[in-house]
């Protein structure tokens, strides 16, 4: 397999990142990184925190098959209904936890999956493809709802990283997935990830990066398109309770944002794209 490398100092896929100073992605190493911007709550705590929810689809409860998340599939509308169930449970949990402003941002595929007419009345909604992190400094915490494990994860449902044409992705020699990519970009703006939801493999991956997280496991992966689903009311209750707990914790103490250590290199392997510094 040909592996293509892009060596860059402080950018990831065209999006600026804050530079830090160690070799790993987070945890103790990130604690030595220069402080990220403070975000909205400059004293670290907001009485009614503003919450941004990024919603993907592959990690939504009830979704196992790629046909659920592909907009020209005959099962896509079913996938949208499952998305709305998880999303509204998450919003309700944020309200119960004491959130102020709540903004949903659709980040799956063409970003046109959320059904606005079925969205909880307390939430704003961003659809389409504006710059994903534009204005994120206005928020105190970020929830990654319906995320999936990184490419190559064994027994994970619909695992990939950014694109199914990417076979893997590395930063500083360590494989990463979308939790690390989005968490690191939010962290560069001083905004911590406070909760993730998805299958059991995604939850383990997220906890290995950010141990303060509330993780909500809504299904157990068995293969790329196979797994065990929780009863729908149980999954939604877990999401609601998890979101409420994440917001309550945030109101007590703002966790340290996840900061990707100094980006010595970004590397991905793909089926085909322009080759730079190619190695076999």
Protein backbone atom coordinates (compact mmCIF):
# COMPACT_ATOMS: atom_id res chain seq x y z
CA UNK A 1 0.00 0.00 0.00
CA UNK A 2 1.31 3.43 -0.90
CA UNK A 3 1.30 5.88 1.98
CA UNK A 4 1.13 9.61 1.33
CA UNK A 5 2.50 12.16 3.78
CA UNK A 6 1.79 15.82 4.27
CA UNK A 7 4.19 17.40 6.74
CA UNK A 8 2.76 20.62 8.10
CA UNK A 9 3.51 22.82 11.09
CA UNK A 10 0.16 24.02 12.37
CA UNK A 11 -2.62 23.06 9.99
CA UNK A 12 -4.83 20.05 9.51
CA UNK A 13 -6.68 19.60 6.23
CA UNK A 14 -6.56 23.34 5.69
CA UNK A 15 -7.82 24.26 9.15
CA UNK A 16 -5.45 26.11 11.50
CA UNK A 17 -4.54 24.40 14.76
CA UNK A 18 -2.83 25.76 17.83
CA UNK A 19 0.73 24.50 18.12
CA UNK A 20 1.85 22.69 21.24
CA UNK A 21 5.08 21.03 22.25
CA UNK A 22 5.04 17.26 22.72
CA UNK A 23 4.74 14.07 20.74
CA UNK A 24 1.37 12.59 21.72
CA UNK A 25 -2.17 13.80 21.14
CA UNK A 26 -3.59 14.48 24.58
CA UNK A 27 -3.64 13.33 28.19
CA UNK A 28 -0.59 14.24 30.27
CA UNK A 29 1.34 15.35 27.19
CA UNK A 30 -1.25 17.94 26.30
CA UNK A 31 -0.93 19.45 29.75
CA UNK A 32 2.48 20.80 28.73
CA UNK A 33 1.05 22.57 25.68
CA UNK A 34 0.63 26.34 25.59
CA UNK A 35 -2.77 27.38 26.90
CA UNK A 36 -5.56 27.52 24.33
CA UNK A 37 -7.76 30.61 24.12
CA UNK A 38 -10.12 30.80 27.07
CA UNK A 39 -13.35 30.54 25.09
CA UNK A 40 -16.57 32.27 26.20
CA UNK A 41 -16.34 31.54 29.94
CA UNK A 42 -13.06 33.26 30.68
CA UNK A 43 -13.24 32.38 34.37
CA UNK A 44 -13.67 28.73 33.44
CA UNK A 45 -17.31 28.40 34.55
CA UNK A 46 -20.56 29.63 32.98
CA UNK A 47 -23.83 29.66 34.94
CA UNK A 48 -25.86 28.77 31.84
CA UNK A 49 -23.26 27.37 29.46
CA UNK A 50 -23.66 27.63 25.73
CA UNK A 51 -23.47 24.20 24.12
CA UNK A 52 -22.64 23.26 20.55
CA UNK A 53 -23.70 19.79 19.36
CA UNK A 54 -21.95 18.32 16.32
CA UNK A 55 -24.16 15.50 15.04
CA UNK A 56 -22.82 12.75 12.83
CA UNK A 57 -24.88 9.70 11.83
CA UNK A 58 -22.84 6.48 11.91
CA UNK A 59 -22.84 6.37 15.72
CA UNK A 60 -26.53 7.09 16.16
CA UNK A 61 -28.51 4.46 18.06
CA UNK A 62 -30.39 2.18 15.66
CA UNK A 63 -27.94 2.72 12.80
CA UNK A 64 -25.91 -0.30 11.69
CA UNK A 65 -25.94 -0.30 7.88
CA UNK A 66 -24.35 2.18 5.52
CA UNK A 67 -27.71 2.46 3.74
CA UNK A 68 -29.06 4.31 6.80
CA UNK A 69 -26.58 7.17 6.32
CA UNK A 70 -26.44 7.44 2.51
CA UNK A 71 -28.92 10.00 1.21
CA UNK A 72 -29.80 8.22 -2.02
CA UNK A 73 -30.59 4.96 -0.20
CA UNK A 74 -34.09 3.65 0.38
CA UNK A 75 -33.33 3.39 4.14
CA UNK A 76 -31.93 6.91 4.55
CA UNK A 77 -35.23 8.38 5.82
CA UNK A 78 -35.23 5.72 8.53
CA UNK A 79 -31.71 6.80 9.51
CA UNK A 80 -32.87 10.42 9.74
CA UNK A 81 -35.62 9.42 12.16
CA UNK A 82 -33.07 7.65 14.36
CA UNK A 83 -30.86 10.74 14.21
CA UNK A 84 -33.69 12.98 15.38
CA UNK A 85 -34.48 10.67 18.30
CA UNK A 86 -30.92 10.83 19.63
CA UNK A 87 -30.60 14.53 18.90
CA UNK A 88 -33.75 15.57 20.71
CA UNK A 89 -32.82 13.37 23.69
CA UNK A 90 -29.44 15.12 23.81
CA UNK A 91 -31.01 18.59 23.64
CA UNK A 92 -33.46 17.74 26.41
CA UNK A 93 -30.58 16.51 28.54
CA UNK A 94 -28.67 19.74 27.97
CA UNK A 95 -31.71 21.73 29.10
CA UNK A 96 -32.07 19.60 32.24
CA UNK A 97 -28.38 20.11 32.97
CA UNK A 98 -28.82 23.90 32.91
CA UNK A 99 -27.61 24.88 29.43
CA UNK A 100 -28.42 28.28 28.03
CA UNK A 101 -27.97 28.55 24.28
CA UNK A 102 -27.97 25.20 22.43
CA UNK A 103 -26.87 25.00 18.80
CA UNK A 104 -26.98 21.87 16.66
CA UNK A 105 -24.60 21.62 13.71
CA UNK A 106 -25.12 18.85 11.16
CA UNK A 107 -21.66 17.56 10.16
CA UNK A 108 -22.55 14.35 8.30
CA UNK A 109 -21.87 14.15 4.55
CA UNK A 110 -23.63 17.10 2.86
CA UNK A 111 -24.81 18.40 6.25
CA UNK A 112 -28.48 18.28 5.26
CA UNK A 113 -29.67 15.38 7.41
CA UNK A 114 -31.36 17.09 10.37
CA UNK A 115 -35.14 17.48 10.01
CA UNK A 116 -35.71 21.03 11.23
CA UNK A 117 -39.47 20.49 11.57
CA UNK A 118 -38.85 17.70 14.07
CA UNK A 119 -36.08 19.41 16.04
CA UNK A 120 -36.53 20.31 19.72
CA UNK A 121 -37.88 23.87 19.93
CA UNK A 122 -35.08 25.08 22.22
CA UNK A 123 -32.28 24.42 19.74
CA UNK A 124 -30.83 26.49 16.93
CA UNK A 125 -29.69 24.53 13.89
CA UNK A 126 -26.86 25.01 11.40
CA UNK A 127 -27.31 23.17 8.10
CA UNK A 128 -25.15 23.14 4.99
CA UNK A 129 -21.39 23.59 4.85
CA UNK A 130 -20.19 26.77 6.57
CA UNK A 131 -16.70 26.54 8.10
CA UNK A 132 -17.24 23.99 10.86
CA UNK A 133 -15.39 25.82 13.61
CA UNK A 134 -16.35 29.36 12.71
CA UNK A 135 -17.64 31.12 15.83
CA UNK A 136 -17.09 28.16 18.14
CA UNK A 137 -15.47 30.51 20.69
CA UNK A 138 -19.02 31.59 21.56
CA UNK A 139 -19.61 28.18 23.22
CA UNK A 140 -18.49 26.70 26.52
CA UNK A 141 -18.65 23.03 25.59
CA UNK A 142 -18.94 20.71 22.59
CA UNK A 143 -20.89 17.44 22.32
CA UNK A 144 -19.98 14.93 19.61
CA UNK A 145 -23.21 13.03 19.04
CA UNK A 146 -23.46 9.90 16.90
CA UNK A 147 -19.72 9.64 16.21
CA UNK A 148 -17.94 6.47 15.08
CA UNK A 149 -14.60 4.79 15.73
CA UNK A 150 -11.50 5.56 13.67
CA UNK A 151 -10.59 3.75 10.45
CA UNK A 152 -9.31 0.24 10.99
CA UNK A 153 -10.96 -0.31 14.37
CA UNK A 154 -11.90 -3.96 14.68
CA UNK A 155 -15.55 -4.85 15.30
CA UNK A 156 -16.65 -1.20 15.14
CA UNK A 157 -19.83 -0.14 13.36
CA UNK A 158 -19.20 1.90 10.18
CA UNK A 159 -15.70 2.83 11.34
CA UNK A 160 -13.76 5.29 9.16
CA UNK A 161 -11.88 8.58 9.42
CA UNK A 162 -13.31 11.55 7.50
CA UNK A 163 -13.80 9.60 4.28
CA UNK A 164 -14.16 5.94 3.38
CA UNK A 165 -11.45 6.57 0.76
CA UNK A 166 -8.97 7.21 3.60
CA UNK A 167 -7.54 3.93 4.79
CA UNK A 168 -5.93 5.50 7.86
CA UNK A 169 -4.87 8.80 9.37
CA UNK A 170 -1.92 9.65 11.63
CA UNK A 171 -0.78 12.68 13.56
CA UNK A 172 2.76 12.54 14.94
CA UNK A 173 2.83 8.83 14.15
CA UNK A 174 -0.31 8.02 16.14
CA UNK A 175 -3.51 6.87 14.44
CA UNK A 176 -6.43 9.20 15.01
CA UNK A 177 -10.12 9.39 14.24
CA UNK A 178 -12.70 12.12 14.02
CA UNK A 179 -13.00 12.51 17.80
CA UNK A 180 -9.34 13.55 17.94
CA UNK A 181 -9.57 15.70 14.83
CA UNK A 182 -12.68 17.60 15.89
CA UNK A 183 -11.74 17.64 19.57
CA UNK A 184 -8.32 19.05 18.76
CA UNK A 185 -9.68 21.74 16.49
CA UNK A 186 -12.24 22.79 19.11
CA UNK A 187 -9.54 22.71 21.77
CA UNK A 188 -7.43 25.09 19.72
CA UNK A 189 -10.25 27.60 20.27
CA UNK A 190 -10.46 26.87 24.00
CA UNK A 191 -13.63 24.76 23.79
CA UNK A 192 -13.62 21.33 25.51
CA UNK A 193 -15.49 18.26 24.33
CA UNK A 194 -17.79 17.31 27.20
CA UNK A 195 -19.64 14.27 25.83
CA UNK A 196 -19.55 11.74 23.01
CA UNK A 197 -22.04 9.09 21.93
CA UNK A 198 -21.61 6.08 19.68
CA UNK A 199 -20.77 2.40 19.85
CA UNK A 200 -18.57 0.77 22.50
CA UNK A 201 -15.41 1.08 20.37
CA UNK A 202 -15.93 4.81 19.84
CA UNK A 203 -16.44 5.34 23.58
CA UNK A 204 -13.20 3.51 24.40
CA UNK A 205 -11.32 5.55 21.78
CA UNK A 206 -12.66 8.84 23.16
CA UNK A 207 -11.88 7.95 26.78
CA UNK A 208 -8.28 7.14 25.84
CA UNK A 209 -7.91 10.75 24.63
CA UNK A 210 -10.02 12.73 27.11
CA UNK A 211 -10.57 11.04 30.44
CA UNK A 212 -12.97 13.73 31.72
CA UNK A 213 -15.54 12.90 29.07
CA UNK A 214 -19.03 11.61 29.58
CA UNK A 215 -19.28 8.71 27.12
CA UNK A 216 -22.65 7.32 26.09
CA UNK A 217 -22.59 3.83 24.61
CA UNK A 218 -25.74 3.24 22.53
CA UNK A 219 -24.75 0.02 20.73
CA UNK A 220 -22.10 -2.71 20.70
CA UNK A 221 -20.17 -3.27 17.50
CA UNK A 222 -19.56 -6.72 16.05
CA UNK A 223 -18.42 -5.85 12.52
CA UNK A 224 -18.50 -2.97 10.04
CA UNK A 225 -22.23 -3.51 9.47
CA UNK A 226 -23.21 -5.61 12.47
CA UNK A 227 -23.86 -5.02 16.13
CA UNK A 228 -26.22 -5.22 19.08
CA UNK A 229 -28.65 -2.33 19.55
CA UNK A 230 -30.11 -1.20 22.85
CA UNK A 231 -33.88 -0.82 23.20
CA UNK A 232 -34.69 2.61 21.81
CA UNK A 233 -36.01 4.07 25.10
CA UNK A 234 -32.86 2.89 26.89
CA UNK A 235 -30.57 4.46 24.30
CA UNK A 236 -32.44 7.76 24.42
CA UNK A 237 -32.48 7.77 28.22
CA UNK A 238 -28.71 7.19 28.30
CA UNK A 239 -28.16 10.10 25.93
CA UNK A 240 -30.46 12.42 27.87
CA UNK A 241 -28.89 11.54 31.20
CA UNK A 242 -25.38 11.74 29.77
CA UNK A 243 -25.95 15.19 28.29
CA UNK A 244 -27.46 16.45 31.55
CA UNK A 245 -24.48 15.15 33.52
CA UNK A 246 -21.97 16.62 31.05
CA UNK A 247 -23.54 20.09 31.30
CA UNK A 248 -23.75 19.90 35.12
CA UNK A 249 -20.05 19.04 35.29
CA UNK A 250 -19.25 21.91 32.94
CA UNK A 251 -21.15 24.34 35.17
CA UNK A 252 -19.05 23.25 38.15
CA UNK A 253 -15.68 23.27 36.43
CA UNK A 254 -14.58 23.74 32.84
CA UNK A 255 -12.27 20.87 31.83
CA UNK A 256 -8.98 21.53 30.10
CA UNK A 257 -9.62 21.58 26.33
CA UNK A 258 -8.09 18.75 24.34
CA UNK A 259 -5.05 20.14 22.54
CA UNK A 260 -3.16 18.24 19.87
CA UNK A 261 0.51 18.37 20.68
CA UNK A 262 2.87 20.08 18.29
CA UNK A 263 1.83 18.89 14.85
CA UNK A 264 5.08 17.58 13.46
CA UNK A 265 3.25 15.66 10.78
CA UNK A 266 -0.13 14.78 9.35
CA UNK A 267 -0.35 11.63 7.30
CA UNK A 268 -3.13 9.70 5.63
CA UNK A 269 -3.19 6.72 3.32
CA UNK A 270 -5.78 6.62 0.58
CA UNK A 271 -6.70 4.74 -2.53
CA UNK A 272 -5.76 7.64 -4.76
CA UNK A 273 -4.83 11.28 -4.40
CA UNK A 274 -1.90 13.52 -5.18
CA UNK A 275 1.26 11.99 -3.71
CA UNK A 276 3.67 14.11 -1.70
CA UNK A 277 6.81 12.68 -0.08
CA UNK A 278 5.70 9.20 -1.06
CA UNK A 279 6.96 6.15 0.79
CA UNK A 280 6.01 2.53 0.41
